[in-house]
N, C-alpha and C. Protein backbone atom coordinates (compact mmCIF):
# COMPACT_ATOMS: atom_id res chain seq x y z
N UNK A 1 -31.55 35.78 -28.05
CA UNK A 1 -30.81 36.55 -29.04
C UNK A 1 -29.85 37.48 -28.32
N UNK A 2 -28.56 37.35 -28.61
CA UNK A 2 -27.54 38.17 -27.98
C UNK A 2 -27.23 39.42 -28.79
N UNK A 3 -26.45 40.30 -28.19
CA UNK A 3 -26.02 41.53 -28.86
C UNK A 3 -24.53 41.72 -28.66
N UNK A 4 -23.93 42.46 -29.58
CA UNK A 4 -22.52 42.85 -29.51
C UNK A 4 -22.47 44.35 -29.77
N UNK A 5 -21.55 45.04 -29.10
CA UNK A 5 -21.41 46.48 -29.29
C UNK A 5 -19.93 46.86 -29.31
N UNK A 6 -19.61 47.91 -30.06
CA UNK A 6 -18.24 48.42 -30.12
C UNK A 6 -18.30 49.91 -30.42
N UNK A 7 -17.22 50.62 -30.04
CA UNK A 7 -17.16 52.06 -30.25
C UNK A 7 -15.83 52.41 -30.91
N UNK A 8 -15.86 53.42 -31.79
CA UNK A 8 -14.66 53.90 -32.47
C UNK A 8 -15.05 54.94 -33.50
N UNK A 9 -14.10 55.45 -34.24
CA UNK A 9 -14.36 56.41 -35.32
C UNK A 9 -14.04 55.74 -36.64
N UNK A 10 -15.06 55.49 -37.45
CA UNK A 10 -14.88 54.77 -38.69
C UNK A 10 -15.54 55.50 -39.85
N UNK A 11 -14.94 55.39 -41.01
CA UNK A 11 -15.46 56.03 -42.22
C UNK A 11 -16.54 55.18 -42.86
N UNK A 12 -17.42 55.84 -43.61
CA UNK A 12 -18.38 55.11 -44.41
C UNK A 12 -17.64 54.20 -45.38
N UNK A 13 -18.24 53.07 -45.69
CA UNK A 13 -17.60 52.10 -46.57
C UNK A 13 -16.71 51.11 -45.83
N UNK A 14 -16.63 51.22 -44.51
CA UNK A 14 -15.84 50.29 -43.70
C UNK A 14 -16.69 49.06 -43.40
N UNK A 15 -16.20 47.89 -43.79
CA UNK A 15 -16.96 46.65 -43.57
C UNK A 15 -16.95 46.24 -42.10
N UNK A 16 -18.11 45.82 -41.63
CA UNK A 16 -18.27 45.25 -40.30
C UNK A 16 -18.59 43.77 -40.50
N UNK A 17 -17.85 42.89 -39.82
CA UNK A 17 -18.09 41.45 -39.95
C UNK A 17 -18.02 40.81 -38.57
N UNK A 18 -18.92 39.90 -38.30
CA UNK A 18 -18.93 39.17 -37.05
C UNK A 18 -18.84 37.68 -37.34
N UNK A 19 -17.90 37.00 -36.67
CA UNK A 19 -17.72 35.55 -36.83
C UNK A 19 -17.82 34.88 -35.48
N UNK A 20 -18.34 33.64 -35.48
CA UNK A 20 -18.36 32.89 -34.23
C UNK A 20 -17.00 32.26 -33.99
N UNK A 21 -16.86 31.51 -32.90
CA UNK A 21 -15.56 30.95 -32.51
C UNK A 21 -15.01 29.96 -33.53
N UNK A 22 -15.88 29.37 -34.36
CA UNK A 22 -15.41 28.43 -35.38
C UNK A 22 -15.08 29.12 -36.70
N UNK A 23 -15.28 30.46 -36.76
CA UNK A 23 -14.99 31.21 -37.99
C UNK A 23 -16.18 31.37 -38.91
N UNK A 24 -17.36 30.89 -38.49
CA UNK A 24 -18.57 31.04 -39.31
C UNK A 24 -19.03 32.49 -39.29
N UNK A 25 -19.29 33.03 -40.47
CA UNK A 25 -19.75 34.41 -40.59
C UNK A 25 -21.19 34.53 -40.11
N UNK A 26 -21.42 35.44 -39.17
CA UNK A 26 -22.76 35.66 -38.62
C UNK A 26 -23.40 36.89 -39.26
N UNK A 27 -22.65 37.97 -39.34
CA UNK A 27 -23.16 39.23 -39.90
C UNK A 27 -22.05 39.88 -40.73
N UNK A 28 -22.41 40.41 -41.88
CA UNK A 28 -21.53 41.28 -42.65
C UNK A 28 -22.36 42.47 -43.11
N UNK A 29 -21.83 43.67 -42.88
CA UNK A 29 -22.55 44.89 -43.24
C UNK A 29 -21.54 45.99 -43.52
N UNK A 30 -21.81 46.79 -44.54
CA UNK A 30 -20.95 47.92 -44.88
C UNK A 30 -21.79 49.19 -44.91
N UNK A 31 -21.75 49.99 -43.83
CA UNK A 31 -22.54 51.22 -43.80
C UNK A 31 -21.99 52.26 -44.78
N UNK A 32 -22.89 53.06 -45.32
CA UNK A 32 -22.49 54.11 -46.26
C UNK A 32 -21.92 55.34 -45.56
N UNK A 33 -22.39 55.61 -44.36
CA UNK A 33 -21.99 56.81 -43.63
C UNK A 33 -20.98 56.50 -42.53
N UNK A 34 -20.23 57.52 -42.11
CA UNK A 34 -19.31 57.37 -40.99
C UNK A 34 -20.09 56.97 -39.74
N UNK A 35 -19.41 56.28 -38.83
CA UNK A 35 -20.09 55.84 -37.62
C UNK A 35 -19.10 55.77 -36.46
N UNK A 36 -19.64 55.85 -35.25
CA UNK A 36 -18.82 55.80 -34.04
C UNK A 36 -19.24 54.68 -33.10
N UNK A 37 -20.43 54.14 -33.28
CA UNK A 37 -20.91 53.10 -32.38
C UNK A 37 -21.62 52.02 -33.18
N UNK A 38 -21.37 50.78 -32.81
CA UNK A 38 -21.95 49.63 -33.52
C UNK A 38 -22.72 48.79 -32.51
N UNK A 39 -23.94 48.42 -32.85
CA UNK A 39 -24.68 47.43 -32.09
C UNK A 39 -25.15 46.37 -33.08
N UNK A 40 -24.74 45.13 -32.86
CA UNK A 40 -25.13 44.02 -33.72
C UNK A 40 -26.03 43.10 -32.93
N UNK A 41 -27.10 42.64 -33.56
CA UNK A 41 -28.02 41.71 -32.92
C UNK A 41 -28.48 40.70 -33.96
N UNK A 42 -28.54 39.44 -33.57
CA UNK A 42 -28.96 38.38 -34.47
C UNK A 42 -29.40 37.18 -33.66
N UNK A 43 -30.35 36.39 -34.16
CA UNK A 43 -30.72 35.16 -33.49
C UNK A 43 -29.55 34.18 -33.41
N UNK A 44 -28.55 34.37 -34.27
CA UNK A 44 -27.37 33.49 -34.28
C UNK A 44 -26.34 33.86 -33.21
N UNK A 45 -26.53 35.01 -32.55
CA UNK A 45 -25.63 35.42 -31.47
C UNK A 45 -26.20 34.86 -30.17
N UNK A 46 -25.42 34.00 -29.54
CA UNK A 46 -25.87 33.37 -28.29
C UNK A 46 -25.18 34.03 -27.10
N UNK A 47 -25.96 34.50 -26.17
CA UNK A 47 -25.43 35.16 -24.97
C UNK A 47 -24.42 34.24 -24.28
N UNK A 48 -23.25 34.80 -23.96
CA UNK A 48 -22.19 34.05 -23.27
C UNK A 48 -21.17 33.42 -24.19
N UNK A 49 -21.48 33.30 -25.50
CA UNK A 49 -20.53 32.75 -26.46
C UNK A 49 -19.56 33.84 -26.92
N UNK A 50 -18.38 33.43 -27.39
CA UNK A 50 -17.36 34.36 -27.88
C UNK A 50 -17.47 34.55 -29.39
N UNK A 51 -17.25 35.78 -29.82
CA UNK A 51 -17.31 36.15 -31.24
C UNK A 51 -16.19 37.12 -31.55
N UNK A 52 -15.75 37.11 -32.79
CA UNK A 52 -14.75 38.07 -33.24
C UNK A 52 -15.43 39.07 -34.17
N UNK A 53 -15.28 40.35 -33.84
CA UNK A 53 -15.83 41.42 -34.66
C UNK A 53 -14.68 42.09 -35.42
N UNK A 54 -14.86 42.22 -36.72
CA UNK A 54 -13.90 42.90 -37.57
C UNK A 54 -14.56 44.19 -38.07
N UNK A 55 -13.87 45.31 -37.88
CA UNK A 55 -14.34 46.60 -38.39
C UNK A 55 -13.18 47.17 -39.19
N UNK A 56 -13.25 47.03 -40.51
CA UNK A 56 -12.10 47.38 -41.34
C UNK A 56 -10.93 46.51 -40.96
N UNK A 57 -9.82 47.12 -40.57
CA UNK A 57 -8.60 46.38 -40.22
C UNK A 57 -8.49 46.11 -38.72
N UNK A 58 -9.48 46.58 -37.95
CA UNK A 58 -9.47 46.40 -36.50
C UNK A 58 -10.33 45.19 -36.14
N UNK A 59 -9.84 44.37 -35.20
CA UNK A 59 -10.65 43.22 -34.77
C UNK A 59 -10.51 43.03 -33.27
N UNK A 60 -11.49 42.36 -32.70
CA UNK A 60 -11.45 42.03 -31.29
C UNK A 60 -12.40 40.88 -31.01
N UNK A 61 -12.10 40.12 -29.98
CA UNK A 61 -12.94 39.01 -29.58
C UNK A 61 -13.70 39.39 -28.31
N UNK A 62 -15.01 39.15 -28.35
CA UNK A 62 -15.87 39.58 -27.27
C UNK A 62 -16.85 38.48 -26.91
N UNK A 63 -17.39 38.58 -25.70
CA UNK A 63 -18.45 37.68 -25.27
C UNK A 63 -19.79 38.38 -25.46
N UNK A 64 -20.74 37.68 -26.07
CA UNK A 64 -22.06 38.26 -26.32
C UNK A 64 -22.81 38.49 -25.01
N UNK A 65 -23.53 39.59 -24.94
CA UNK A 65 -24.33 39.94 -23.75
C UNK A 65 -25.79 39.75 -24.04
């Protein structure tokens, strides 16, 4: 099971979405409170594979650790 992490300043109600390289949705979550750090973990996240994380209008592609 891999993990993904990101840092920033985001308001509550900002959607977090993680997709694999083929565009399949792995995780979608919308926290109620403001946040500055995100750690995502799922059995569907494979260490070494690439994923795109969307946090509101911001996105980035990362390799799972």
